[in-house]
Protein backbone atom coordinates (compact mmCIF):
# COMPACT_ATOMS: atom_id res chain seq x y z
CA MET A 1 -32.21 34.21 -29.64
CA LEU A 2 -33.58 30.91 -30.92
CA SER A 3 -36.94 31.00 -32.68
CA VAL A 4 -39.02 27.83 -32.64
CA LEU A 5 -41.87 27.35 -35.11
CA PHE A 6 -44.42 24.72 -34.05
CA ASP A 7 -46.89 23.21 -36.46
CA LEU A 8 -50.34 22.65 -34.93
CA ASP A 9 -52.21 19.71 -36.45
CA ASP A 10 -50.73 16.37 -35.33
CA THR A 11 -47.89 18.29 -33.69
CA LEU A 12 -49.67 20.07 -30.81
CA ILE A 13 -53.16 18.60 -31.35
CA ASN A 14 -54.16 15.21 -32.68
CA ASN A 15 -56.45 15.77 -35.63
CA ASN A 16 -57.79 13.54 -38.37
CA THR A 17 -57.61 16.22 -41.05
CA ASP A 18 -59.98 14.55 -43.48
CA ARG A 19 -62.69 14.04 -40.88
CA PHE A 20 -62.12 17.49 -39.35
CA THR A 21 -62.47 19.14 -42.75
CA ARG A 22 -65.66 17.23 -43.52
CA VAL A 23 -67.31 18.13 -40.21
CA TYR A 24 -66.12 21.73 -40.50
CA MET A 25 -67.67 22.11 -43.92
CA GLU A 26 -70.91 20.50 -42.78
CA LEU A 27 -71.15 22.94 -39.87
CA LEU A 28 -70.29 25.95 -42.00
CA GLY A 29 -72.63 24.94 -44.80
CA LYS A 30 -75.50 24.41 -42.38
CA TYR A 31 -74.86 27.70 -40.58
CA LEU A 32 -74.75 29.73 -43.80
CA GLN A 33 -77.78 28.00 -45.33
CA PRO A 34 -80.03 31.06 -44.73
CA TYR A 35 -77.62 33.09 -46.89
CA ILE A 36 -76.50 30.63 -49.56
CA ASP A 37 -77.03 27.00 -50.48
CA SER A 38 -74.10 24.90 -49.28
CA ASN A 39 -73.94 23.10 -52.65
CA VAL A 40 -73.16 26.46 -54.22
CA MET A 41 -70.87 27.76 -51.47
CA LEU A 42 -68.64 24.76 -50.70
CA PRO A 43 -67.01 24.36 -54.15
CA TYR A 44 -65.96 28.02 -54.04
CA LEU A 45 -64.68 27.57 -50.48
CA LEU A 46 -62.54 24.63 -51.57
CA GLU A 47 -61.18 26.37 -54.65
CA GLY A 48 -60.59 29.58 -52.69
CA THR A 49 -58.53 27.54 -50.23
CA ASN A 50 -56.63 26.01 -53.12
CA GLN A 51 -55.91 29.50 -54.44
CA MET A 52 -54.34 30.38 -51.07
CA ILE A 53 -52.18 27.24 -51.05
CA LYS A 54 -50.88 27.91 -54.58
CA LYS A 55 -50.28 31.64 -54.05
CA SER A 56 -46.68 32.68 -54.71
CA SER A 57 -46.97 36.42 -55.42
CA VAL A 58 -45.72 38.84 -52.78
CA ALA A 59 -48.70 41.20 -53.02
CA GLN A 60 -51.95 40.63 -51.10
CA THR A 61 -52.61 38.59 -47.99
CA LEU A 62 -54.13 35.13 -48.14
CA GLU A 63 -57.44 36.60 -47.02
CA GLU A 64 -57.41 39.04 -49.93
CA THR A 65 -56.55 36.20 -52.31
CA PHE A 66 -59.43 34.11 -50.97
CA ASP A 67 -61.89 37.01 -51.03
CA ARG A 68 -61.08 37.90 -54.63
CA PHE A 69 -62.18 34.42 -55.73
CA PHE A 70 -64.82 33.42 -53.17
CA TYR A 71 -67.27 36.32 -52.94
CA PRO A 72 -67.68 37.02 -56.67
CA GLY A 73 -68.18 33.28 -57.11
CA ILE A 74 -71.03 32.96 -54.62
CA GLY A 75 -72.60 36.27 -55.61
CA ILE A 76 -72.69 37.70 -52.08
CA SER A 77 -70.57 40.59 -50.85
CA LYS A 78 -68.13 40.18 -48.00
CA GLU A 79 -69.92 42.92 -46.07
CA GLN A 80 -73.15 40.89 -46.21
CA LEU A 81 -71.58 37.67 -44.96
CA THR A 82 -69.02 38.96 -42.45
CA PRO A 83 -71.36 39.20 -39.41
CA ALA A 84 -72.49 35.60 -39.89
CA LEU A 85 -68.94 34.32 -40.40
CA THR A 86 -67.73 36.20 -37.33
CA ASP A 87 -70.46 34.60 -35.24
CA PHE A 88 -69.71 31.17 -36.71
CA TYR A 89 -66.00 31.31 -35.79
CA ASN A 90 -66.71 32.78 -32.36
CA ARG A 91 -69.36 30.24 -31.37
CA VAL A 92 -70.05 27.33 -33.72
CA PHE A 93 -66.46 26.53 -34.68
CA THR A 94 -65.80 25.53 -31.05
CA GLU A 95 -67.91 22.39 -31.61
CA LEU A 96 -64.98 21.00 -33.58
CA LYS A 97 -62.94 20.66 -30.41
CA SER A 98 -64.37 17.16 -29.96
CA GLU A 99 -62.63 16.14 -33.19
CA THR A 100 -59.22 16.87 -31.66
CA SER A 101 -57.15 16.10 -28.57
CA PRO A 102 -53.88 17.53 -27.19
CA VAL A 103 -50.70 15.71 -28.17
CA PRO A 104 -49.29 14.38 -24.86
CA GLY A 105 -46.35 16.43 -23.66
CA ALA A 106 -46.56 19.00 -26.46
CA ALA A 107 -48.03 21.87 -24.44
CA ASP A 108 -45.46 21.33 -21.68
CA LEU A 109 -42.69 21.46 -24.27
CA VAL A 110 -44.01 24.73 -25.68
CA ARG A 111 -44.11 26.24 -22.20
CA VAL A 112 -40.51 25.16 -21.56
CA CYS A 113 -39.45 26.88 -24.78
CA LEU A 114 -41.28 30.05 -23.74
CA SER A 115 -39.71 29.93 -20.27
CA ARG A 116 -36.24 29.91 -21.82
CA GLY A 117 -36.95 33.19 -23.56
CA TRP A 118 -37.06 31.68 -27.03
CA ASN A 119 -39.36 33.13 -29.67
CA VAL A 120 -42.17 30.61 -30.08
CA ALA A 121 -44.55 30.79 -33.02
CA ILE A 122 -47.60 28.67 -33.76
CA ALA A 123 -46.79 28.05 -37.41
CA THR A 124 -50.03 26.42 -38.49
CA ASN A 125 -51.00 26.56 -42.14
CA PRO A 126 -52.65 30.02 -42.29
CA LEU A 127 -55.83 29.00 -44.07
CA PHE A 128 -58.14 29.92 -41.17
CA PRO A 129 -58.99 33.32 -39.67
CA LEU A 130 -57.26 34.26 -36.43
CA ALA A 131 -60.39 33.55 -34.35
CA ALA A 132 -60.28 29.91 -35.49
CA VAL A 133 -56.54 29.68 -34.82
CA TYR A 134 -57.10 30.94 -31.27
CA HIS A 135 -59.64 28.18 -30.64
CA ARG A 136 -57.34 25.52 -32.04
CA VAL A 137 -54.40 26.68 -29.94
CA ARG A 138 -56.62 26.46 -26.84
CA TRP A 139 -57.50 22.88 -27.79
CA ALA A 140 -53.77 22.14 -27.51
CA GLY A 141 -53.89 23.26 -23.86
CA LEU A 142 -52.24 26.63 -24.52
CA ASP A 143 -53.36 30.24 -24.12
CA PRO A 144 -52.99 32.13 -27.42
CA GLU A 145 -53.57 35.52 -25.81
CA ASN A 146 -51.40 35.30 -22.70
CA ASP A 147 -48.66 32.73 -23.31
CA GLY A 148 -46.47 35.24 -25.11
CA PHE A 149 -46.27 33.73 -28.58
CA ALA A 150 -44.15 35.61 -31.09
CA ALA A 151 -46.63 34.82 -33.85
CA LEU A 152 -49.77 32.87 -34.65
CA THR A 153 -50.13 32.54 -38.39
CA ALA A 154 -53.57 33.25 -39.83
CA TYR A 155 -54.91 34.22 -43.23
CA GLU A 156 -55.64 37.87 -42.36
CA THR A 157 -51.99 38.91 -42.15
CA TYR A 158 -49.88 36.25 -43.90
CA HIS A 159 -49.12 36.11 -47.60
CA PHE A 160 -48.13 32.48 -48.14
CA ALA A 161 -49.35 29.07 -47.06
CA LYS A 162 -47.60 25.76 -46.63
CA PRO A 163 -45.85 24.16 -48.45
CA GLN A 164 -44.45 27.42 -49.89
CA PRO A 165 -40.90 27.91 -48.54
CA ALA A 166 -41.68 31.65 -48.53
CA TYR A 167 -44.18 31.01 -45.71
CA PHE A 168 -41.33 30.01 -43.37
CA ALA A 169 -39.27 33.02 -44.46
CA GLU A 170 -42.17 35.37 -43.81
CA VAL A 171 -42.71 33.97 -40.30
CA THR A 172 -38.99 34.35 -39.58
CA TYR A 173 -38.91 37.98 -40.66
CA ARG A 174 -42.07 38.78 -38.74
CA ILE A 175 -40.67 37.59 -35.41
CA GLN A 176 -36.94 38.34 -35.61
CA SER A 177 -34.01 39.08 -37.92
CA LEU A 178 -31.87 36.69 -39.91
CA GLU A 179 -28.97 36.83 -37.45
CA CYS A 180 -30.86 34.51 -35.09
CA PRO A 181 -31.46 30.81 -35.81
CA THR A 182 -34.98 29.63 -36.62
CA VAL A 183 -36.13 26.01 -36.55
CA MET A 184 -39.31 24.22 -37.62
CA ILE A 185 -41.06 21.40 -35.77
CA GLY A 186 -43.82 19.49 -37.53
CA ASN A 187 -45.23 16.10 -38.38
CA ASP A 188 -45.57 16.41 -42.15
CA LEU A 189 -42.57 15.98 -44.43
CA LYS A 190 -44.29 17.60 -47.41
CA PHE A 191 -45.84 20.60 -45.66
CA ASP A 192 -43.48 21.21 -42.73
CA ILE A 193 -40.06 19.68 -43.11
CA TYR A 194 -38.96 19.89 -46.73
CA PRO A 195 -40.20 23.45 -47.38
CA ALA A 196 -38.62 24.68 -44.13
CA VAL A 197 -35.33 23.10 -45.20
CA LYS A 198 -35.66 24.77 -48.61
CA ALA A 199 -35.90 28.04 -46.69
CA GLY A 200 -32.62 27.18 -44.96
CA MET A 201 -33.97 26.03 -41.59
CA PRO A 202 -33.11 23.01 -39.47
CA ALA A 203 -36.28 20.96 -38.96
CA TYR A 204 -37.49 18.28 -36.56
CA TRP A 205 -39.82 15.67 -38.05
CA LEU A 206 -42.19 14.66 -35.26
CA THR A 207 -43.02 10.99 -35.69
CA SER A 208 -43.86 8.21 -33.29
CA SER A 209 -42.91 5.55 -35.80
CA ASP A 210 -39.52 3.92 -36.23
CA ALA A 211 -38.96 5.90 -39.40
CA SER A 212 -35.48 7.17 -40.13
CA LEU A 213 -34.71 10.69 -41.24
CA PRO A 214 -34.72 10.82 -45.06
CA SER A 215 -31.17 10.80 -46.38
CA ASP A 216 -31.70 13.96 -48.45
CA LEU A 217 -32.30 16.12 -45.38
CA PRO A 218 -29.36 18.07 -43.86
CA SER A 219 -27.46 16.75 -40.86
CA ASP A 220 -28.86 19.45 -38.56
CA CYS A 221 -32.37 17.98 -38.98
CA ALA A 222 -33.71 15.22 -36.75
CA CYS A 223 -36.76 13.05 -36.20
CA GLY A 224 -38.45 11.26 -33.35
CA PRO A 225 -41.11 11.69 -30.63
CA VAL A 226 -41.96 14.77 -28.59
CA GLU A 227 -39.42 13.77 -25.94
CA GLY A 228 -36.58 14.17 -28.42
CA ILE A 229 -37.38 17.77 -29.37
CA LEU A 230 -35.93 19.67 -26.40
CA PRO A 231 -32.50 17.93 -26.53
CA TRP A 232 -32.40 18.68 -30.26
CA LEU A 233 -33.29 22.37 -29.66
CA GLU A 234 -30.55 22.63 -27.02
CA LYS A 235 -28.09 21.19 -29.51
CA ILE A 236 -29.18 23.65 -32.20
CA GLU A 237 -28.88 26.57 -29.78
CA LYS A 238 -25.24 25.71 -29.10
CA MET A 239 -24.29 25.49 -32.76
CA PRO A 240 -22.29 28.38 -34.26
CA PRO A 241 -24.42 30.74 -36.32
CA ASN A 242 -25.06 29.40 -39.80
CA PRO A 243 -25.29 32.18 -42.42
CA ARG A 244 -28.69 32.03 -44.01
CA PRO A 245 -29.86 31.88 -46.69
CA VAL A 246 -27.06 30.20 -48.65
CA THR A 247 -28.91 28.24 -51.34
CA SER A 248 -30.77 29.70 -54.28
CA SER A 249 -34.07 28.19 -53.06
CA ALA A 250 -33.61 29.81 -49.65
CA MET A 251 -32.75 33.16 -51.22
CA LEU A 252 -35.89 33.08 -53.34
CA ALA A 253 -37.92 32.20 -50.24
CA PHE A 254 -36.48 35.16 -48.33
CA LEU A 255 -36.86 37.57 -51.24
CA ARG A 256 -40.57 36.68 -51.14
CA GLY A 257 -40.85 36.48 -47.38
CA GLY A 258 -39.02 39.76 -46.85
CA ALA A 259 -41.31 41.69 -49.18
CA ALA A 260 -44.36 40.07 -47.60
CA ALA A 261 -43.16 40.92 -44.09
CA ILE A 262 -42.56 44.54 -45.11
CA ASP A 263 -46.12 44.70 -46.45
CA ALA A 264 -47.57 43.11 -43.31
CA ILE A 265 -45.63 45.26 -40.85
CA ALA A 266 -46.42 48.45 -42.78
CA ARG A 267 -50.14 47.67 -42.57
CA GLU A 268 -49.87 47.81 -38.77
CA PHE A 269 -48.84 51.49 -38.83
CA SER A 270 -51.45 54.15 -38.24
CA GLU A 271 -51.91 56.70 -41.00
CA GLN A 272 -50.12 59.36 -38.96
CA LYS A 273 -47.07 57.16 -38.33
CA TRP A 274 -46.28 56.63 -42.01
CA ASN A 275 -44.62 60.06 -42.34
CA THR A 276 -43.44 60.53 -38.76
CA ARG A 277 -39.67 60.48 -38.35
CA PRO A 278 -38.31 59.18 -35.03
CA ALA A 279 -35.61 61.88 -35.31
CA ASP A 280 -34.65 64.53 -37.84
CA THR A 281 -31.77 62.41 -39.13
CA GLU A 282 -33.75 59.15 -39.41
CA TRP A 283 -36.16 57.93 -42.05
CA CYS A 284 -39.88 57.43 -41.54
CA LEU A 285 -41.79 54.47 -42.98
CA THR A 286 -42.63 56.26 -46.24
CA GLU A 287 -38.97 57.14 -46.84
CA ILE A 288 -37.87 53.55 -46.23
CA LEU A 289 -40.50 52.21 -48.64
CA CYS A 290 -39.51 54.72 -51.34
CA HIS A 291 -35.87 53.66 -50.85
CA LEU A 292 -36.73 49.96 -51.16
CA ARG A 293 -38.81 50.64 -54.27
CA ASP A 294 -36.10 52.59 -56.05
CA VAL A 295 -33.26 50.26 -55.07
CA ASP A 296 -35.15 47.22 -56.36
CA SER A 297 -36.29 48.82 -59.62
CA GLU A 298 -33.25 50.97 -60.47
CA ILE A 299 -30.36 49.00 -58.98
CA ASN A 300 -31.19 45.36 -58.26
CA LEU A 301 -33.19 44.61 -61.40
CA VAL A 302 -30.69 46.43 -63.62
CA ARG A 303 -27.74 44.58 -62.08
CA ILE A 304 -29.31 41.15 -62.38
CA ASN A 305 -30.26 41.73 -66.01
CA THR A 306 -26.70 42.89 -66.70
CA VAL A 307 -25.22 39.80 -65.05
CA LEU A 308 -27.42 37.49 -67.10
CA LYS A 309 -26.64 39.22 -70.41
CA GLU A 310 -22.90 39.90 -70.09
CA THR A 311 -19.81 37.85 -69.28
CA GLN A 312 -18.09 38.86 -66.05
CA PRO A 313 -19.63 42.35 -66.06
CA PHE A 314 -18.30 45.19 -63.95
CA ILE A 315 -20.86 46.35 -61.37
CA ALA A 316 -20.33 49.81 -59.92
CA GLY A 317 -21.34 50.63 -56.38
CA ILE A 318 -24.21 53.11 -56.19
CA GLU A 319 -24.83 55.44 -53.25
CA SER A 320 -28.60 55.71 -53.04
CA ASP A 321 -29.16 57.15 -49.56
CA HIS A 322 -29.11 60.74 -50.87
CA TRP A 323 -32.12 59.94 -53.07
CA SER A 324 -34.25 60.44 -49.98
CA VAL A 325 -33.52 64.16 -50.07
CA ASP A 326 -33.04 64.54 -53.83
CA ARG A 327 -36.39 62.89 -54.58
CA ASP A 328 -38.20 64.25 -51.52
CA TYR A 329 -39.27 60.82 -50.27
CA LEU A 330 -40.86 62.36 -47.18
CA HIS A 331 -43.64 63.93 -49.22
CA GLN A 332 -44.31 61.01 -51.54
CA ASN A 333 -47.21 58.57 -51.16
CA GLY A 334 -45.99 55.74 -48.95
CA ARG A 335 -48.73 53.31 -49.90
CA SER A 336 -48.03 53.81 -53.59
CA ALA A 337 -44.33 53.27 -52.89
CA LEU A 338 -45.14 50.01 -51.10
CA SER A 339 -47.29 48.82 -54.00
CA ASP A 340 -44.58 49.68 -56.51
CA PHE A 341 -41.94 47.94 -54.40
CA LEU A 342 -44.01 44.75 -54.28
CA SER A 343 -44.46 44.88 -58.06
CA SER A 344 -40.73 45.34 -58.67
CA ARG A 345 -39.89 42.57 -56.23
CA GLN A 346 -42.25 40.17 -58.01
CA ILE A 347 -40.54 40.92 -61.34
CA LEU A 348 -37.12 40.37 -59.74
CA ILE A 349 -38.21 37.03 -58.25
CA GLU A 350 -39.69 35.79 -61.51
CA LEU A 351 -36.48 36.72 -63.30
CA LEU A 352 -34.38 34.78 -60.81
CA GLU A 353 -36.69 31.76 -61.00
CA SER A 354 -35.72 31.42 -64.66
CA VAL A 355 -32.01 31.31 -63.81
CA SER A 356 -30.15 28.02 -64.27
CA PRO A 357 -27.95 26.57 -61.49
CA GLU A 358 -24.90 27.53 -63.58
CA ASP A 359 -26.09 31.13 -63.92
CA TRP A 360 -26.33 31.49 -60.14
CA GLU A 361 -22.53 31.05 -60.13
CA ARG A 362 -21.89 33.67 -62.84
CA VAL A 363 -18.84 35.78 -61.98
CA ILE A 364 -19.25 39.52 -61.34
CA ARG A 365 -16.59 42.18 -60.84
CA HIS A 366 -17.96 44.49 -58.15
CA SER A 367 -16.35 47.85 -57.46
CA ILE A 368 -16.67 47.39 -53.69
CA PHE A 369 -16.79 43.62 -53.06
CA GLY A 370 -14.40 42.56 -55.82
CA PRO A 371 -14.95 39.23 -57.59
CA THR A 372 -18.32 37.82 -56.59
CA SER A 373 -21.24 35.87 -58.07
CA LEU A 374 -24.91 36.32 -58.87
CA LYS A 375 -25.74 34.20 -55.83
CA GLU A 376 -23.73 36.48 -53.56
CA LEU A 377 -25.28 39.54 -55.19
CA VAL A 378 -28.76 38.21 -54.39
CA GLY A 379 -27.54 37.53 -50.86
CA PHE A 380 -26.76 41.25 -50.56
CA ILE A 381 -30.38 42.02 -51.51
CA VAL A 382 -31.64 39.68 -48.79
CA SER A 383 -29.33 41.33 -46.24
CA HIS A 384 -30.55 44.75 -47.38
CA ASP A 385 -34.15 43.64 -46.79
CA ASN A 386 -33.20 42.32 -43.38
CA ASN A 387 -31.64 45.63 -42.32
CA HIS A 388 -34.66 47.66 -43.36
CA ILE A 389 -37.15 45.24 -41.81
CA LYS A 390 -35.34 45.77 -38.50
CA GLN A 391 -35.46 49.51 -39.11
CA ILE A 392 -39.20 49.42 -39.79
CA LYS A 393 -39.82 47.36 -36.65
CA ASN A 394 -37.88 49.88 -34.59
CA LEU A 395 -40.18 52.65 -35.84
CA LYS A 396 -43.07 50.90 -34.08
CA ILE A 397 -41.39 50.85 -30.68
């Protein structure tokens, strides 16, 4: 099934971002004046937003990243300010509608995509809370609660912001598996198109100008007005499946996005569900997380370090499924396992980020797969993530 990610600003709604931001901050500063002087609050708001944009670690949501900087800075607890902020986004934020207008034809296009059974996500930069995203989607002429969107990205549940390629990988994992094609549609080359391409996705650059597609973008990308999007999507849908990710940048994006998606999906489980097996022979969430933790720390990290230190090393296959019984995963602490997995994954990613292009092609002798490379070995890790993300999703059904 095709998944279509739509940007929001200047893709589904016309929005002068600079003016919108200025009016937004004026409204917020005025509303919070009884609690804190806007001259004190706004610099921390801006820097907190910057912290979200720069975030590249797999642990913590964007909201948690923002909170860790913002509230200590202004000297007010989140508990004190939350009722006022909730009221602001429910009522006052709606005044910003006058600063926007629907992009002609965009809402109709989204509804056509939904009618075809495609996964449709509103892939707006997740720097706002979900309540604000709901308002902004309504301003586009769409219904965020009833239109059947596969995802609406907001700072409460997402771990990366644009232009991080990992953002696009996280959205992909949250709505489907890697076997299905995902495409990005947006108006901004820097924040929408190039990072999506780095994550291995075809992208459509929405532009009303006579601009040509930059020559460094892949041939499956396109550009043009709204009217050109549906024919392009139909063309993409007919293409043979393209294995993804295949580049080192895409693999790094999906190593991040996969871990983030696992964290996000696990947070949706009730306490009771963490250790509930769907059947005696199947793993529960805690067992899966313990498995992911141990495979990353005891197999993946060890292998990658070996590959980088030795010439054409021999890598033995390791059967790790029996660890579930041997180590009694069922009775371990699932949340601790998740935290440890995220820590190990961050170490693995940082190690791979230091690898040269030549090192990605280092030859490995694998006991099961034969001659292979570091790049292919990392691809196996991504596929392993993909399989267990599907498994975790099935536990929720």
